[in-house]
Amino acid sequence: MLGGCWLDFREEPARVGLPLRALAAAGPGVRIEFKCQACGYARAVTPGAIIARLKADKLGDENTLHTALPDKLTRPCKTCWTLRVEWREPRTPQLGEAAKAYDRRMRS
């Protein structure tokens, strides 16, 4: 409308993301799952473990955005990584067979 208000939306995917420190502070139920689309390798790790690995490899720190992680991964593959953040409820099982059974129930 001329002379009125409007909302201009521009998506900039490179700038969207959460810093790893925010994911680490969210609690012990947060996991980041990495999956290689070429070989199928998948692994879920805590944000704290990712921060430690980035610091050890001098590739980043706790201010690194979670969306920047696939570009920083070099092991075991250097191909196209996808990433998924998993935020579990506090009372859900975290490890072992109980966690696997819970995942199967939630996906069905």
PDB file of N, CA and C in Angstrom:
ATOM      1  N   MET A   1       0.844  -1.171   0.000  1.00  0.00           N
ATOM      2  CA  MET A   1       0.000   0.000   0.000  1.00  0.00           C
ATOM      3  C   MET A   1       0.890   1.235   0.000  1.00  0.00           C
ATOM      4  N   LEU A   2       0.609   2.157  -0.888  1.00  0.00           N
ATOM      5  CA  LEU A   2       1.410   3.377  -0.956  1.00  0.00           C
ATOM      6  C   LEU A   2       1.271   4.178   0.329  1.00  0.00           C
ATOM      7  N   GLY A   3       2.401   4.629   0.846  1.00  0.00           N
ATOM      8  CA  GLY A   3       2.382   5.431   2.061  1.00  0.00           C
ATOM      9  C   GLY A   3       2.132   4.614   3.318  1.00  0.00           C
ATOM     10  N   GLY A   4       2.071   3.298   3.195  1.00  0.00           N
ATOM     11  CA  GLY A   4       1.788   2.454   4.360  1.00  0.00           C
ATOM     12  C   GLY A   4       3.009   1.670   4.798  1.00  0.00           C
ATOM     13  N   CYS A   5       2.771   0.614   5.518  1.00  0.00           N
ATOM     14  CA  CYS A   5       3.839  -0.230   6.027  1.00  0.00           C
ATOM     15  C   CYS A   5       3.888  -1.542   5.256  1.00  0.00           C
ATOM     16  N   TRP A   6       5.022  -2.189   5.270  1.00  0.00           N
ATOM     17  CA  TRP A   6       5.161  -3.496   4.658  1.00  0.00           C
ATOM     18  C   TRP A   6       6.261  -4.263   5.389  1.00  0.00           C
ATOM     19  N   LEU A   7       6.282  -5.526   5.139  1.00  0.00           N
ATOM     20  CA  LEU A   7       7.294  -6.399   5.713  1.00  0.00           C
ATOM     21  C   LEU A   7       8.116  -6.972   4.576  1.00  0.00           C
ATOM     22  N   ASP A   8       9.402  -6.765   4.632  1.00  0.00           N
ATOM     23  CA  ASP A   8      10.300  -7.263   3.608  1.00  0.00           C
ATOM     24  C   ASP A   8      11.077  -8.437   4.199  1.00  0.00           C
ATOM     25  N   PHE A   9      10.927  -9.621   3.613  1.00  0.00           N
ATOM     26  CA  PHE A   9      11.577 -10.822   4.113  1.00  0.00           C
ATOM     27  C   PHE A   9      12.648 -11.264   3.133  1.00  0.00           C
ATOM     28  N   ARG A  10      13.869 -11.439   3.642  1.00  0.00           N
ATOM     29  CA  ARG A  10      14.975 -11.941   2.825  1.00  0.00           C
ATOM     30  C   ARG A  10      15.665 -13.056   3.596  1.00  0.00           C
ATOM     31  N   GLU A  11      15.685 -14.207   2.990  1.00  0.00           N
ATOM     32  CA  GLU A  11      16.322 -15.340   3.632  1.00  0.00           C
ATOM     33  C   GLU A  11      17.804 -15.350   3.289  1.00  0.00           C
ATOM     34  N   GLU A  12      18.625 -15.405   4.316  1.00  0.00           N
ATOM     35  CA  GLU A  12      20.065 -15.493   4.143  1.00  0.00           C
ATOM     36  C   GLU A  12      20.538 -16.728   4.908  1.00  0.00           C
ATOM     37  N   PRO A  13      20.476 -17.927   4.289  1.00  0.00           N
ATOM     38  CA  PRO A  13      20.792 -19.161   5.010  1.00  0.00           C
ATOM     39  C   PRO A  13      22.172 -19.188   5.650  1.00  0.00           C
ATOM     40  N   ALA A  14      23.138 -18.512   5.078  1.00  0.00           N
ATOM     41  CA  ALA A  14      24.485 -18.541   5.641  1.00  0.00           C
ATOM     42  C   ALA A  14      24.531 -17.863   7.010  1.00  0.00           C
ATOM     43  N   ARG A  15      23.581 -17.000   7.302  1.00  0.00           N
ATOM     44  CA  ARG A  15      23.604 -16.262   8.551  1.00  0.00           C
ATOM     45  C   ARG A  15      22.662 -16.849   9.596  1.00  0.00           C
ATOM     46  N   VAL A  16      21.930 -17.889   9.243  1.00  0.00           N
ATOM     47  CA  VAL A  16      20.977 -18.487  10.166  1.00  0.00           C
ATOM     48  C   VAL A  16      21.652 -19.639  10.897  1.00  0.00           C
ATOM     49  N   GLY A  17      21.490 -19.697  12.194  1.00  0.00           N
ATOM     50  CA  GLY A  17      22.069 -20.792  12.955  1.00  0.00           C
ATOM     51  C   GLY A  17      22.192 -20.440  14.417  1.00  0.00           C
ATOM     52  N   LEU A  18      22.429 -21.450  15.214  1.00  0.00           N
ATOM     53  CA  LEU A  18      22.631 -21.267  16.646  1.00  0.00           C
ATOM     54  C   LEU A  18      24.104 -21.465  16.972  1.00  0.00           C
ATOM     55  N   PRO A  19      24.658 -20.616  17.843  1.00  0.00           N
ATOM     56  CA  PRO A  19      26.028 -20.868  18.281  1.00  0.00           C
ATOM     57  C   PRO A  19      26.068 -22.143  19.114  1.00  0.00           C
ATOM     58  N   LEU A  20      27.146 -22.872  19.030  1.00  0.00           N
ATOM     59  CA  LEU A  20      27.268 -24.126  19.762  1.00  0.00           C
ATOM     60  C   LEU A  20      27.142 -23.929  21.266  1.00  0.00           C
ATOM     61  N   ARG A  21      27.538 -22.767  21.775  1.00  0.00           N
ATOM     62  CA  ARG A  21      27.414 -22.517  23.209  1.00  0.00           C
ATOM     63  C   ARG A  21      25.957 -22.515  23.649  1.00  0.00           C
ATOM     64  N   ALA A  22      25.042 -22.060  22.780  1.00  0.00           N
ATOM     65  CA  ALA A  22      23.619 -22.074  23.109  1.00  0.00           C
ATOM     66  C   ALA A  22      23.082 -23.499  23.149  1.00  0.00           C
ATOM     67  N   LEU A  23      23.539 -24.338  22.225  1.00  0.00           N
ATOM     68  CA  LEU A  23      23.113 -25.740  22.229  1.00  0.00           C
ATOM     69  C   LEU A  23      23.684 -26.485  23.435  1.00  0.00           C
ATOM     70  N   ALA A  24      24.925 -26.185  23.810  1.00  0.00           N
ATOM     71  CA  ALA A  24      25.540 -26.833  24.964  1.00  0.00           C
ATOM     72  C   ALA A  24      24.837 -26.423  26.259  1.00  0.00           C
ATOM     73  N   ALA A  25      24.398 -25.179  26.339  1.00  0.00           N
ATOM     74  CA  ALA A  25      23.726 -24.684  27.539  1.00  0.00           C
ATOM     75  C   ALA A  25      22.294 -25.196  27.663  1.00  0.00           C
ATOM     76  N   ALA A  26      21.748 -25.762  26.596  1.00  0.00           N
ATOM     77  CA  ALA A  26      20.355 -26.218  26.603  1.00  0.00           C
ATOM     78  C   ALA A  26      20.150 -27.478  27.437  1.00  0.00           C
ATOM     79  N   GLY A  27      21.206 -28.163  27.788  1.00  0.00           N
ATOM     80  CA  GLY A  27      21.071 -29.335  28.643  1.00  0.00           C
ATOM     81  C   GLY A  27      21.668 -30.583  28.048  1.00  0.00           C
ATOM     82  N   PRO A  28      21.649 -31.664  28.834  1.00  0.00           N
ATOM     83  CA  PRO A  28      22.301 -32.903  28.403  1.00  0.00           C
ATOM     84  C   PRO A  28      21.539 -33.664  27.327  1.00  0.00           C
ATOM     85  N   GLY A  29      20.304 -33.289  27.035  1.00  0.00           N
ATOM     86  CA  GLY A  29      19.516 -34.004  26.045  1.00  0.00           C
ATOM     87  C   GLY A  29      19.751 -33.567  24.615  1.00  0.00           C
ATOM     88  N   VAL A  30      20.637 -32.606  24.391  1.00  0.00           N
ATOM     89  CA  VAL A  30      20.877 -32.096  23.041  1.00  0.00           C
ATOM     90  C   VAL A  30      21.985 -32.897  22.373  1.00  0.00           C
ATOM     91  N   ARG A  31      21.707 -33.370  21.177  1.00  0.00           N
ATOM     92  CA  ARG A  31      22.684 -34.084  20.368  1.00  0.00           C
ATOM     93  C   ARG A  31      22.655 -33.507  18.958  1.00  0.00           C
ATOM     94  N   ILE A  32      23.793 -33.519  18.308  1.00  0.00           N
ATOM     95  CA  ILE A  32      23.878 -33.114  16.910  1.00  0.00           C
ATOM     96  C   ILE A  32      24.269 -34.356  16.124  1.00  0.00           C
ATOM     97  N   GLU A  33      23.404 -34.723  15.189  1.00  0.00           N
ATOM     98  CA  GLU A  33      23.654 -35.925  14.394  1.00  0.00           C
ATOM     99  C   GLU A  33      24.212 -35.518  13.039  1.00  0.00           C
ATOM    100  N   PHE A  34      25.348 -36.115  12.696  1.00  0.00           N
ATOM    101  CA  PHE A  34      25.978 -35.902  11.405  1.00  0.00           C
ATOM    102  C   PHE A  34      25.772 -37.155  10.569  1.00  0.00           C
ATOM    103  N   LYS A  35      25.480 -36.973   9.287  1.00  0.00           N
ATOM    104  CA  LYS A  35      25.320 -38.131   8.403  1.00  0.00           C
ATOM    105  C   LYS A  35      25.946 -37.799   7.055  1.00  0.00           C
ATOM    106  N   CYS A  36      26.781 -38.731   6.580  1.00  0.00           N
ATOM    107  CA  CYS A  36      27.389 -38.581   5.261  1.00  0.00           C
ATOM    108  C   CYS A  36      26.414 -39.144   4.235  1.00  0.00           C
ATOM    109  N   GLN A  37      26.053 -38.350   3.264  1.00  0.00           N
ATOM    110  CA  GLN A  37      25.105 -38.785   2.244  1.00  0.00           C
ATOM    111  C   GLN A  37      25.737 -39.760   1.251  1.00  0.00           C
ATOM    112  N   ALA A  38      27.059 -39.785   1.187  1.00  0.00           N
ATOM    113  CA  ALA A  38      27.728 -40.676   0.233  1.00  0.00           C
ATOM    114  C   ALA A  38      27.885 -42.093   0.779  1.00  0.00           C
ATOM    115  N   CYS A  39      28.390 -42.220   2.005  1.00  0.00           N
ATOM    116  CA  CYS A  39      28.678 -43.563   2.528  1.00  0.00           C
ATOM    117  C   CYS A  39      27.684 -44.028   3.584  1.00  0.00           C
ATOM    118  N   GLY A  40      26.867 -43.125   4.113  1.00  0.00           N
ATOM    119  CA  GLY A  40      25.881 -43.503   5.109  1.00  0.00           C
ATOM    120  C   GLY A  40      26.371 -43.452   6.544  1.00  0.00           C
ATOM    121  N   TYR A  41      27.635 -43.097   6.766  1.00  0.00           N
ATOM    122  CA  TYR A  41      28.158 -42.986   8.129  1.00  0.00           C
ATOM    123  C   TYR A  41      27.333 -41.954   8.895  1.00  0.00           C
ATOM    124  N   ALA A  42      26.942 -42.290  10.125  1.00  0.00           N
ATOM    125  CA  ALA A  42      26.170 -41.362  10.946  1.00  0.00           C
ATOM    126  C   ALA A  42      26.651 -41.447  12.386  1.00  0.00           C
ATOM    127  N   ARG A  43      26.612 -40.313  13.065  1.00  0.00           N
ATOM    128  CA  ARG A  43      27.007 -40.272  14.462  1.00  0.00           C
ATOM    129  C   ARG A  43      26.338 -39.078  15.125  1.00  0.00           C
ATOM    130  N   ALA A  44      25.863 -39.294  16.345  1.00  0.00           N
ATOM    131  CA  ALA A  44      25.267 -38.213  17.138  1.00  0.00           C
ATOM    132  C   ALA A  44      26.198 -37.909  18.309  1.00  0.00           C
ATOM    133  N   VAL A  45      26.530 -36.632  18.478  1.00  0.00           N
ATOM    134  CA  VAL A  45      27.448 -36.228  19.542  1.00  0.00           C
ATOM    135  C   VAL A  45      26.884 -35.011  20.271  1.00  0.00           C
ATOM    136  N   THR A  46      27.413 -34.764  21.452  1.00  0.00           N
ATOM    137  CA  THR A  46      26.981 -33.609  22.228  1.00  0.00           C
ATOM    138  C   THR A  46      27.643 -32.343  21.695  1.00  0.00           C
ATOM    139  N   PRO A  47      27.014 -31.191  21.915  1.00  0.00           N
ATOM    140  CA  PRO A  47      27.649 -29.931  21.492  1.00  0.00           C
ATOM    141  C   PRO A  47      28.998 -29.712  22.177  1.00  0.00           C
ATOM    142  N   GLY A  48      29.131 -30.137  23.435  1.00  0.00           N
ATOM    143  CA  GLY A  48      30.405 -29.985  24.137  1.00  0.00           C
ATOM    144  C   GLY A  48      31.535 -30.752  23.470  1.00  0.00           C
ATOM    145  N   ALA A  49      31.229 -31.952  22.986  1.00  0.00           N
ATOM    146  CA  ALA A  49      32.238 -32.756  22.291  1.00  0.00           C
ATOM    147  C   ALA A  49      32.637 -32.101  20.972  1.00  0.00           C
ATOM    148  N   ILE A  50      31.672 -31.506  20.294  1.00  0.00           N
ATOM    149  CA  ILE A  50      31.977 -30.826  19.030  1.00  0.00           C
ATOM    150  C   ILE A  50      32.852 -29.606  19.281  1.00  0.00           C
ATOM    151  N   ILE A  51      32.524 -28.849  20.329  1.00  0.00           N
ATOM    152  CA  ILE A  51      33.326 -27.667  20.667  1.00  0.00           C
ATOM    153  C   ILE A  51      34.764 -28.090  20.961  1.00  0.00           C
ATOM    154  N   ALA A  52      34.944 -29.161  21.744  1.00  0.00           N
ATOM    155  CA  ALA A  52      36.294 -29.641  22.075  1.00  0.00           C
ATOM    156  C   ALA A  52      37.058 -30.055  20.820  1.00  0.00           C
ATOM    157  N   ARG A  53      36.379 -30.738  19.894  1.00  0.00           N
ATOM    158  CA  ARG A  53      37.043 -31.169  18.661  1.00  0.00           C
ATOM    159  C   ARG A  53      37.414 -29.968  17.782  1.00  0.00           C
ATOM    160  N   LEU A  54      36.515 -28.994  17.675  1.00  0.00           N
ATOM    161  CA  LEU A  54      36.823 -27.807  16.877  1.00  0.00           C
ATOM    162  C   LEU A  54      38.017 -27.056  17.448  1.00  0.00           C
ATOM    163  N   LYS A  55      38.067 -26.929  18.772  1.00  0.00           N
ATOM    164  CA  LYS A  55      39.201 -26.241  19.398  1.00  0.00           C
ATOM    165  C   LYS A  55      40.495 -27.013  19.191  1.00  0.00           C
ATOM    166  N   ALA A  56      40.447 -28.335  19.328  1.00  0.00           N
ATOM    167  CA  ALA A  56      41.649 -29.153  19.155  1.00  0.00           C
ATOM    168  C   ALA A  56      42.180 -29.066  17.728  1.00  0.00           C
ATOM    169  N   ASP A  57      41.271 -29.038  16.755  1.00  0.00           N
ATOM    170  CA  ASP A  57      41.670 -28.949  15.349  1.00  0.00           C
ATOM    171  C   ASP A  57      41.871 -27.509  14.882  1.00  0.00           C
ATOM    172  N   LYS A  58      41.652 -26.548  15.791  1.00  0.00           N
ATOM    173  CA  LYS A  58      41.770 -25.111  15.480  1.00  0.00           C
ATOM    174  C   LYS A  58      40.880 -24.699  14.306  1.00  0.00           C
ATOM    175  N   LEU A  59      39.640 -25.219  14.329  1.00  0.00           N
ATOM    176  CA  LEU A  59      38.668 -24.905  13.278  1.00  0.00           C
ATOM    177  C   LEU A  59      37.523 -24.028  13.770  1.00  0.00           C
ATOM    178  N   GLY A  60      37.455 -23.795  15.075  1.00  0.00           N
ATOM    179  CA  GLY A  60      36.370 -22.992  15.619  1.00  0.00           C
ATOM    180  C   GLY A  60      36.333 -23.085  17.126  1.00  0.00           C
ATOM    181  N   ASP A  61      35.243 -22.551  17.698  1.00  0.00           N
ATOM    182  CA  ASP A  61      35.063 -22.575  19.144  1.00  0.00           C
ATOM    183  C   ASP A  61      33.573 -22.592  19.459  1.00  0.00           C
ATOM    184  N   GLU A  62      33.209 -22.204  20.673  1.00  0.00           N
ATOM    185  CA  GLU A  62      31.807 -22.246  21.071  1.00  0.00           C
ATOM    186  C   GLU A  62      30.934 -21.216  20.361  1.00  0.00           C
ATOM    187  N   ASN A  63      31.521 -20.272  19.672  1.00  0.00           N
ATOM    188  CA  ASN A  63      30.753 -19.276  18.920  1.00  0.00           C
ATOM    189  C   ASN A  63      30.454 -19.717  17.491  1.00  0.00           C
ATOM    190  N   THR A  64      30.953 -20.869  17.084  1.00  0.00           N
ATOM    191  CA  THR A  64      30.698 -21.401  15.745  1.00  0.00           C
ATOM    192  C   THR A  64      29.220 -21.738  15.610  1.00  0.00           C
ATOM    193  N   LEU A  65      28.611 -21.331  14.505  1.00  0.00           N
ATOM    194  CA  LEU A  65      27.205 -21.639  14.262  1.00  0.00           C
ATOM    195  C   LEU A  65      27.046 -23.103  13.874  1.00  0.00           C
ATOM    196  N   HIS A  66      25.958 -23.711  14.297  1.00  0.00           N
ATOM    197  CA  HIS A  66      25.751 -25.128  13.983  1.00  0.00           C
ATOM    198  C   HIS A  66      25.614 -25.357  12.489  1.00  0.00           C
ATOM    199  N   THR A  67      25.183 -24.359  11.744  1.00  0.00           N
ATOM    200  CA  THR A  67      25.044 -24.508  10.295  1.00  0.00           C
ATOM    201  C   THR A  67      26.387 -24.508   9.579  1.00  0.00           C
ATOM    202  N   ALA A  68      27.454 -24.077  10.254  1.00  0.00           N
ATOM    203  CA  ALA A  68      28.789 -24.060   9.655  1.00  0.00           C
ATOM    204  C   ALA A  68      29.526 -25.382   9.857  1.00  0.00           C
ATOM    205  N   LEU A  69      28.994 -26.272  10.673  1.00  0.00           N
ATOM    206  CA  LEU A  69      29.694 -27.516  10.990  1.00  0.00           C
ATOM    207  C   LEU A  69      29.950 -28.431   9.802  1.00  0.00           C
ATOM    208  N   PRO A  70      28.989 -28.652   8.894  1.00  0.00           N
ATOM    209  CA  PRO A  70      29.283 -29.573   7.773  1.00  0.00           C
ATOM    210  C   PRO A  70      30.495 -29.160   6.944  1.00  0.00           C
ATOM    211  N   ASP A  71      30.760 -27.865   6.832  1.00  0.00           N
ATOM    212  CA  ASP A  71      31.919 -27.403   6.064  1.00  0.00           C
ATOM    213  C   ASP A  71      33.235 -27.642   6.797  1.00  0.00           C
ATOM    214  N   LYS A  72      33.170 -27.821   8.112  1.00  0.00           N
ATOM    215  CA  LYS A  72      34.380 -27.987   8.906  1.00  0.00           C
ATOM    216  C   LYS A  72      34.758 -29.452   9.116  1.00  0.00           C
ATOM    217  N   LEU A  73      33.885 -30.379   8.759  1.00  0.00           N
ATOM    218  CA  LEU A  73      34.162 -31.798   8.975  1.00  0.00           C
ATOM    219  C   LEU A  73      35.075 -32.352   7.891  1.00  0.00           C
ATOM    220  N   THR A  74      36.078 -33.091   8.326  1.00  0.00           N
ATOM    221  CA  THR A  74      37.006 -33.710   7.380  1.00  0.00           C
ATOM    222  C   THR A  74      37.171 -35.199   7.624  1.00  0.00           C
ATOM    223  N   ARG A  75      36.637 -35.728   8.742  1.00  0.00           N
ATOM    224  CA  ARG A  75      36.775 -37.138   9.066  1.00  0.00           C
ATOM    225  C   ARG A  75      35.418 -37.738   9.338  1.00  0.00           C
ATOM    226  N   PRO A  76      35.154 -38.942   9.033  1.00  0.00           N
ATOM    227  CA  PRO A  76      35.947 -39.863   8.224  1.00  0.00           C
ATOM    228  C   PRO A  76      35.811 -39.588   6.736  1.00  0.00           C
ATOM    229  N   CYS A  77      34.856 -38.760   6.335  1.00  0.00           N
ATOM    230  CA  CYS A  77      34.641 -38.444   4.914  1.00  0.00           C
ATOM    231  C   CYS A  77      34.799 -36.947   4.694  1.00  0.00           C
ATOM    232  N   LYS A  78      35.002 -36.579   3.459  1.00  0.00           N
ATOM    233  CA  LYS A  78      35.063 -35.156   3.105  1.00  0.00           C
ATOM    234  C   LYS A  78      33.954 -34.817   2.121  1.00  0.00           C
ATOM    235  N   THR A  79      32.881 -35.579   2.158  1.00  0.00           N
ATOM    236  CA  THR A  79      31.805 -35.391   1.178  1.00  0.00           C
ATOM    237  C   THR A  79      30.651 -34.611   1.786  1.00  0.00           C
ATOM    238  N   CYS A  80      29.476 -34.777   1.234  1.00  0.00           N
ATOM    239  CA  CYS A  80      28.341 -33.956   1.644  1.00  0.00           C
ATOM    240  C   CYS A  80      27.714 -34.455   2.949  1.00  0.00           C
ATOM    241  N   TRP A  81      27.848 -33.660   3.974  1.00  0.00           N
ATOM    242  CA  TRP A  81      27.309 -33.958   5.290  1.00  0.00           C
ATOM    243  C   TRP A  81      25.957 -33.284   5.466  1.00  0.00           C
ATOM    244  N   THR A  82      25.052 -33.969   6.129  1.00  0.00           N
ATOM    245  CA  THR A  82      23.820 -33.334   6.588  1.00  0.00           C
ATOM    246  C   THR A  82      23.852 -33.358   8.103  1.00  0.00           C
ATOM    247  N   LEU A  83      23.095 -32.482   8.687  1.00  0.00           N
ATOM    248  CA  LEU A  83      23.155 -32.323  10.118  1.00  0.00           C
ATOM    249  C   LEU A  83      21.755 -32.147  10.664  1.00  0.00           C
ATOM    250  N   ARG A  84      21.519 -32.740  11.839  1.00  0.00           N
ATOM    251  CA  ARG A  84      20.211 -32.652  12.477  1.00  0.00           C
ATOM    252  C   ARG A  84      20.445 -32.450  13.968  1.00  0.00           C
ATOM    253  N   VAL A  85      19.764 -31.460  14.545  1.00  0.00           N
ATOM    254  CA  VAL A  85      19.865 -31.220  15.982  1.00  0.00           C
ATOM    255  C   VAL A  85      18.710 -31.941  16.653  1.00  0.00           C
ATOM    256  N   GLU A  86      19.041 -32.749  17.642  1.00  0.00           N
ATOM    257  CA  GLU A  86      18.043 -33.526  18.378  1.00  0.00           C
ATOM    258  C   GLU A  86      17.963 -32.985  19.798  1.00  0.00           C
ATOM    259  N   TRP A  87      16.767 -32.594  20.197  1.00  0.00           N
ATOM    260  CA  TRP A  87      16.545 -32.004  21.502  1.00  0.00           C
ATOM    261  C   TRP A  87      15.592 -32.910  22.253  1.00  0.00           C
ATOM    262  N   ARG A  88      16.096 -33.770  23.101  1.00  0.00           N
ATOM    263  CA  ARG A  88      15.253 -34.735  23.813  1.00  0.00           C
ATOM    264  C   ARG A  88      14.664 -34.113  25.081  1.00  0.00           C
ATOM    265  N   GLU A  89      13.504 -34.604  25.425  1.00  0.00           N
ATOM    266  CA  GLU A  89      12.879 -34.212  26.686  1.00  0.00           C
ATOM    267  C   GLU A  89      13.727 -34.737  27.844  1.00  0.00           C
ATOM    268  N   PRO A  90      13.677 -34.086  29.008  1.00  0.00           N
ATOM    269  CA  PRO A  90      14.533 -34.507  30.122  1.00  0.00           C
ATOM    270  C   PRO A  90      14.330 -35.943  30.594  1.00  0.00           C
ATOM    271  N   ARG A  91      13.126 -36.493  30.486  1.00  0.00           N
ATOM    272  CA  ARG A  91      12.889 -37.831  31.022  1.00  0.00           C
ATOM    273  C   ARG A  91      13.001 -38.938  29.982  1.00  0.00           C
ATOM    274  N   THR A  92      13.398 -38.637  28.781  1.00  0.00           N
ATOM    275  CA  THR A  92      13.529 -39.686  27.769  1.00  0.00           C
ATOM    276  C   THR A  92      14.869 -40.395  27.936  1.00  0.00           C
ATOM    277  N   PRO A  93      14.938 -41.687  27.592  1.00  0.00           N
ATOM    278  CA  PRO A  93      16.201 -42.417  27.713  1.00  0.00           C
ATOM    279  C   PRO A  93      17.254 -41.831  26.772  1.00  0.00           C
ATOM    280  N   GLN A  94      18.482 -41.761  27.239  1.00  0.00           N
ATOM    281  CA  GLN A  94      19.557 -41.142  26.468  1.00  0.00           C
ATOM    282  C   GLN A  94      20.472 -42.156  25.787  1.00  0.00           C
ATOM    283  N   LEU A  95      20.693 -43.312  26.427  1.00  0.00           N
ATOM    284  CA  LEU A  95      21.677 -44.260  25.920  1.00  0.00           C
ATOM    285  C   LEU A  95      21.126 -45.679  25.914  1.00  0.00           C
ATOM    286  N   GLY A  96      21.773 -46.542  25.157  1.00  0.00           N
ATOM    287  CA  GLY A  96      21.497 -47.968  25.191  1.00  0.00           C
ATOM    288  C   GLY A  96      20.226 -48.392  24.482  1.00  0.00           C
ATOM    289  N   GLU A  97      19.784 -49.590  24.831  1.00  0.00           N
ATOM    290  CA  GLU A  97      18.617 -50.191  24.187  1.00  0.00           C
ATOM    291  C   GLU A  97      17.338 -49.403  24.478  1.00  0.00           C
ATOM    292  N   ALA A  98      17.227 -48.838  25.674  1.00  0.00           N
ATOM    293  CA  ALA A  98      16.033 -48.060  26.006  1.00  0.00           C
ATOM    294  C   ALA A  98      15.900 -46.856  25.076  1.00  0.00           C
ATOM    295  N   ALA A  99      17.015 -46.203  24.754  1.00  0.00           N
ATOM    296  CA  ALA A  99      16.978 -45.053  23.843  1.00  0.00           C
ATOM    297  C   ALA A  99      16.614 -45.490  22.432  1.00  0.00           C
ATOM    298  N   LYS A 100      17.139 -46.642  21.993  1.00  0.00           N
ATOM    299  CA  LYS A 100      16.820 -47.143  20.654  1.00  0.00           C
ATOM    300  C   LYS A 100      15.343 -47.509  20.544  1.00  0.00           C
ATOM    301  N   ALA A 101      14.813 -48.138  21.579  1.00  0.00           N
ATOM    302  CA  ALA A 101      13.384 -48.496  21.583  1.00  0.00           C
ATOM    303  C   ALA A 101      12.522 -47.239  21.570  1.00  0.00           C
ATOM    304  N   TYR A 102      12.921 -46.234  22.316  1.00  0.00           N
ATOM    305  CA  TYR A 102      12.185 -44.961  22.340  1.00  0.00           C
ATOM    306  C   TYR A 102      12.188 -44.325  20.944  1.00  0.00           C
ATOM    307  N   ASP A 103      13.344 -44.320  20.296  1.00  0.00           N
ATOM    308  CA  ASP A 103      13.450 -43.745  18.946  1.00  0.00           C
ATOM    309  C   ASP A 103      12.547 -44.474  17.971  1.00  0.00           C
ATOM    310  N   ARG A 104      12.511 -45.798  18.037  1.00  0.00           N
ATOM    311  CA  ARG A 104      11.646 -46.570  17.137  1.00  0.00           C
ATOM    312  C   ARG A 104      10.183 -46.218  17.357  1.00  0.00           C
ATOM    313  N   ARG A 105       9.783 -46.085  18.634  1.00  0.00           N
ATOM    314  CA  ARG A 105       8.388 -45.738  18.922  1.00  0.00           C
ATOM    315  C   ARG A 105       8.047 -44.345  18.397  1.00  0.00           C
ATOM    316  N   MET A 106       8.959 -43.405  18.540  1.00  0.00           N
ATOM    317  CA  MET A 106       8.690 -42.027  18.105  1.00  0.00           C
ATOM    318  C   MET A 106       8.638 -41.914  16.584  1.00  0.00           C
ATOM    319  N   ARG A 107       9.417 -42.720  15.877  1.00  0.00           N
ATOM    320  CA  ARG A 107       9.465 -42.643  14.401  1.00  0.00           C
ATOM    321  C   ARG A 107       8.306 -43.380  13.741  1.00  0.00           C
ATOM    322  N   SER A 108       7.653 -44.286  14.478  1.00  0.00           N
ATOM    323  CA  SER A 108       6.568 -45.067  13.871  1.00  0.00           C
ATOM    324  C   SER A 108       5.249 -44.319  13.904  1.00  0.00           C
TER     325      SER A 108
END
